[in-house]
Amino acid sequence: MRMRTVILGVSLVFGVGLMCEASAQAVAQNANKPAAARKAKPAKKAPEAKPAAAATTPAPAATAEKPMAKPKPKRKASMAMSGVPNGVPNCIKHLAKMAEKDPLINYDGHPSEIVNNGLMWNDPKSHCSIGSDDAMRKKVVELANAWRMKDSATVRSLLAELGSAAGTK
């Protein structure tokens, strides 16, 4: 048992010594490297009053400049709509805008978010809650069912009714 402990201790000390030696060599190698070149600032345009002075100045070497890095590709803006608008009229306008497309877009995406997290959400702090108005709630439920069934004519007529009841133009 003592022998195992001694061997483990010696190998641990030996391993730590090797790691210190390797890190010392890495530091020494990095110390010998030249410092990274700074980016050159764009030179200010000198006035062209003295053409003789310009002829005596040597031209900068083209090989000394760093090649320009490729620009990062821009992220494409997603076409998907997100979030719930503020106010019942704005929510209904947004739903009507989505219902204009023929064929009707899938209900499970953004329309369900507006209906479930906006119009049907019974919280005074919600963005566009219709509150406890039972007649409007029934129309919104009919709208959701018609949208799931992809019945575009019913969806558009229900949106028009909801819009007139909510005060949208």
Protein backbone atom coordinates (compact mmCIF):
# COMPACT_ATOMS: atom_id res chain seq x y z
CA MET A 1 0.00 0.00 0.00
CA ARG A 2 2.83 2.39 0.90
CA MET A 3 4.59 1.52 -2.30
CA ARG A 4 1.55 2.51 -4.40
CA THR A 5 1.29 5.83 -2.57
CA VAL A 6 4.99 6.54 -3.14
CA ILE A 7 4.75 5.67 -6.85
CA LEU A 8 1.61 7.81 -7.23
CA GLY A 9 3.30 10.74 -5.47
CA VAL A 10 6.46 10.48 -7.61
CA SER A 11 4.44 10.27 -10.83
CA LEU A 12 2.36 13.29 -9.75
CA VAL A 13 5.49 15.35 -9.06
CA PHE A 14 7.01 14.23 -12.36
CA GLY A 15 3.83 15.17 -14.26
CA VAL A 16 3.65 18.62 -12.66
CA GLY A 17 7.32 19.18 -13.52
CA LEU A 18 6.70 18.28 -17.18
CA MET A 19 3.74 20.63 -17.36
CA CYS A 20 5.80 23.50 -15.94
CA GLU A 21 8.61 22.81 -18.40
CA ALA A 22 6.18 22.71 -21.33
CA SER A 23 4.54 25.97 -20.30
CA ALA A 24 7.95 27.63 -19.87
CA GLN A 25 8.90 26.57 -23.40
CA ALA A 26 5.63 27.92 -24.79
CA VAL A 27 6.21 31.27 -23.10
CA ALA A 28 9.75 31.40 -24.47
CA GLN A 29 8.56 30.64 -28.00
CA ASN A 30 5.89 33.35 -27.84
CA ALA A 31 8.43 35.86 -26.49
CA ASN A 32 10.59 35.43 -29.61
CA LYS A 33 7.74 36.15 -32.02
CA PRO A 34 7.39 39.71 -33.31
CA ALA A 35 4.42 41.70 -32.12
CA ALA A 36 1.34 41.69 -34.32
CA ALA A 37 1.24 44.57 -36.76
CA ARG A 38 -1.34 47.25 -36.04
CA LYS A 39 -3.90 48.25 -38.62
CA ALA A 40 -2.81 51.30 -40.50
CA LYS A 41 -5.14 54.25 -40.19
CA PRO A 42 -6.23 55.80 -43.46
CA ALA A 43 -3.86 58.61 -44.31
CA LYS A 44 -5.24 62.11 -44.54
CA LYS A 45 -5.20 63.60 -47.97
CA ALA A 46 -2.28 65.98 -48.28
CA PRO A 47 -2.75 69.23 -50.15
CA GLU A 48 -1.29 69.15 -53.65
CA ALA A 49 0.51 72.47 -53.35
CA LYS A 50 4.02 71.01 -53.69
CA PRO A 51 4.31 68.55 -56.58
CA ALA A 52 8.11 68.21 -56.06
CA ALA A 53 7.64 66.89 -52.51
CA ALA A 54 5.26 64.21 -53.73
CA ALA A 55 7.81 62.96 -56.26
CA THR A 56 10.51 62.47 -53.60
CA THR A 57 8.27 60.44 -51.27
CA PRO A 58 8.56 56.71 -52.00
CA ALA A 59 5.35 54.83 -52.76
CA PRO A 60 4.23 52.33 -50.09
CA ALA A 61 4.94 48.71 -50.91
CA ALA A 62 1.88 46.78 -51.94
CA THR A 63 3.21 43.55 -50.44
CA ALA A 64 3.49 45.00 -46.93
CA GLU A 65 -0.29 45.49 -46.65
CA LYS A 66 -2.42 42.74 -45.15
CA PRO A 67 -5.00 41.15 -47.41
CA MET A 68 -8.48 42.35 -46.56
CA ALA A 69 -10.63 39.91 -44.63
CA LYS A 70 -13.84 38.70 -46.21
CA PRO A 71 -16.90 40.49 -44.83
CA LYS A 72 -19.20 38.37 -42.74
CA PRO A 73 -22.39 37.41 -44.55
CA LYS A 74 -25.40 39.35 -43.35
CA ARG A 75 -28.23 37.45 -41.76
CA LYS A 76 -31.33 37.43 -43.87
CA ALA A 77 -34.36 38.95 -42.23
CA SER A 78 -36.92 36.26 -41.61
CA MET A 79 -40.19 36.63 -43.39
CA ALA A 80 -42.07 35.15 -40.44
CA MET A 81 -44.07 37.58 -38.33
CA SER A 82 -43.73 37.37 -34.60
CA GLY A 83 -45.20 38.91 -31.50
CA VAL A 84 -48.64 40.15 -30.62
CA PRO A 85 -49.58 43.72 -31.60
CA ASN A 86 -50.92 46.17 -29.01
CA GLY A 87 -54.65 46.80 -28.99
CA VAL A 88 -57.59 44.73 -30.19
CA PRO A 89 -58.00 46.69 -33.47
CA ASN A 90 -54.32 46.19 -34.31
CA CYS A 91 -54.55 42.45 -33.61
CA ILE A 92 -57.57 42.11 -35.87
CA LYS A 93 -55.88 44.18 -38.60
CA HIS A 94 -52.84 41.92 -38.34
CA LEU A 95 -54.98 38.79 -38.61
CA ALA A 96 -56.83 40.31 -41.60
CA LYS A 97 -53.50 41.04 -43.28
CA MET A 98 -52.49 37.39 -42.86
CA ALA A 99 -55.90 36.18 -44.07
CA GLU A 100 -55.59 38.19 -47.33
CA LYS A 101 -53.15 35.66 -48.74
CA ASP A 102 -54.63 32.96 -50.88
CA PRO A 103 -54.19 30.04 -49.88
CA LEU A 104 -54.73 30.75 -46.21
CA ILE A 105 -51.58 30.40 -44.11
CA ASN A 106 -51.39 27.68 -41.47
CA TYR A 107 -53.22 28.55 -38.25
CA ASP A 108 -50.69 26.84 -35.98
CA GLY A 109 -48.07 29.53 -36.55
CA HIS A 110 -48.49 33.24 -35.97
CA PRO A 111 -52.33 33.41 -36.16
CA SER A 112 -52.68 31.01 -33.21
CA GLU A 113 -50.20 33.11 -31.23
CA ILE A 114 -52.31 36.24 -31.75
CA VAL A 115 -55.58 34.47 -30.96
CA ASN A 116 -54.36 32.45 -27.95
CA ASN A 117 -51.80 34.86 -26.48
CA GLY A 118 -53.64 38.03 -27.39
CA LEU A 119 -57.37 38.06 -28.05
CA MET A 120 -58.39 35.14 -25.84
CA TRP A 121 -56.00 35.93 -23.00
CA ASN A 122 -58.17 37.20 -20.16
CA ASP A 123 -55.65 39.48 -18.46
CA PRO A 124 -55.84 43.28 -18.27
CA LYS A 125 -52.06 43.46 -18.87
CA SER A 126 -52.21 41.49 -22.13
CA HIS A 127 -51.50 43.23 -25.41
CA CYS A 128 -54.90 42.82 -27.03
CA SER A 129 -57.36 41.00 -24.79
CA ILE A 130 -61.02 41.23 -25.74
CA GLY A 131 -61.85 40.85 -22.05
CA SER A 132 -64.99 39.05 -20.92
CA ASP A 133 -67.19 39.96 -23.91
CA ASP A 134 -68.84 36.60 -24.62
CA ALA A 135 -70.13 37.51 -28.07
CA MET A 136 -66.65 38.49 -29.28
CA ARG A 137 -65.12 35.42 -27.62
CA LYS A 138 -67.52 33.14 -29.53
CA LYS A 139 -66.65 34.88 -32.81
CA VAL A 140 -62.92 34.50 -32.10
CA VAL A 141 -63.42 30.78 -31.39
CA GLU A 142 -65.39 30.44 -34.66
CA LEU A 143 -62.58 32.32 -36.42
CA ALA A 144 -59.96 29.95 -35.02
CA ASN A 145 -61.99 26.88 -36.04
CA ALA A 146 -62.60 28.24 -39.55
CA TRP A 147 -58.90 29.07 -39.90
CA ARG A 148 -57.96 25.52 -38.87
CA MET A 149 -60.38 24.19 -41.50
CA LYS A 150 -58.79 26.54 -44.11
CA ASP A 151 -62.19 28.14 -44.85
CA SER A 152 -60.92 31.50 -46.13
CA ALA A 153 -64.37 33.01 -46.87
CA THR A 154 -65.61 32.40 -43.32
CA VAL A 155 -62.32 33.66 -41.85
CA ARG A 156 -62.50 36.90 -43.80
CA SER A 157 -66.17 37.51 -42.97
CA LEU A 158 -65.58 36.83 -39.25
CA LEU A 159 -62.57 39.18 -39.28
CA ALA A 160 -64.74 41.87 -40.87
CA GLU A 161 -67.38 41.39 -38.15
CA LEU A 162 -64.76 41.47 -35.38
CA GLY A 163 -63.19 44.54 -36.94
CA SER A 164 -66.46 46.44 -37.00
CA ALA A 165 -67.18 45.42 -33.40
CA ALA A 166 -63.67 46.44 -32.27
CA GLY A 167 -63.67 49.73 -34.16
CA THR A 168 -61.11 49.04 -36.91
CA LYS A 169 -61.44 50.69 -40.29
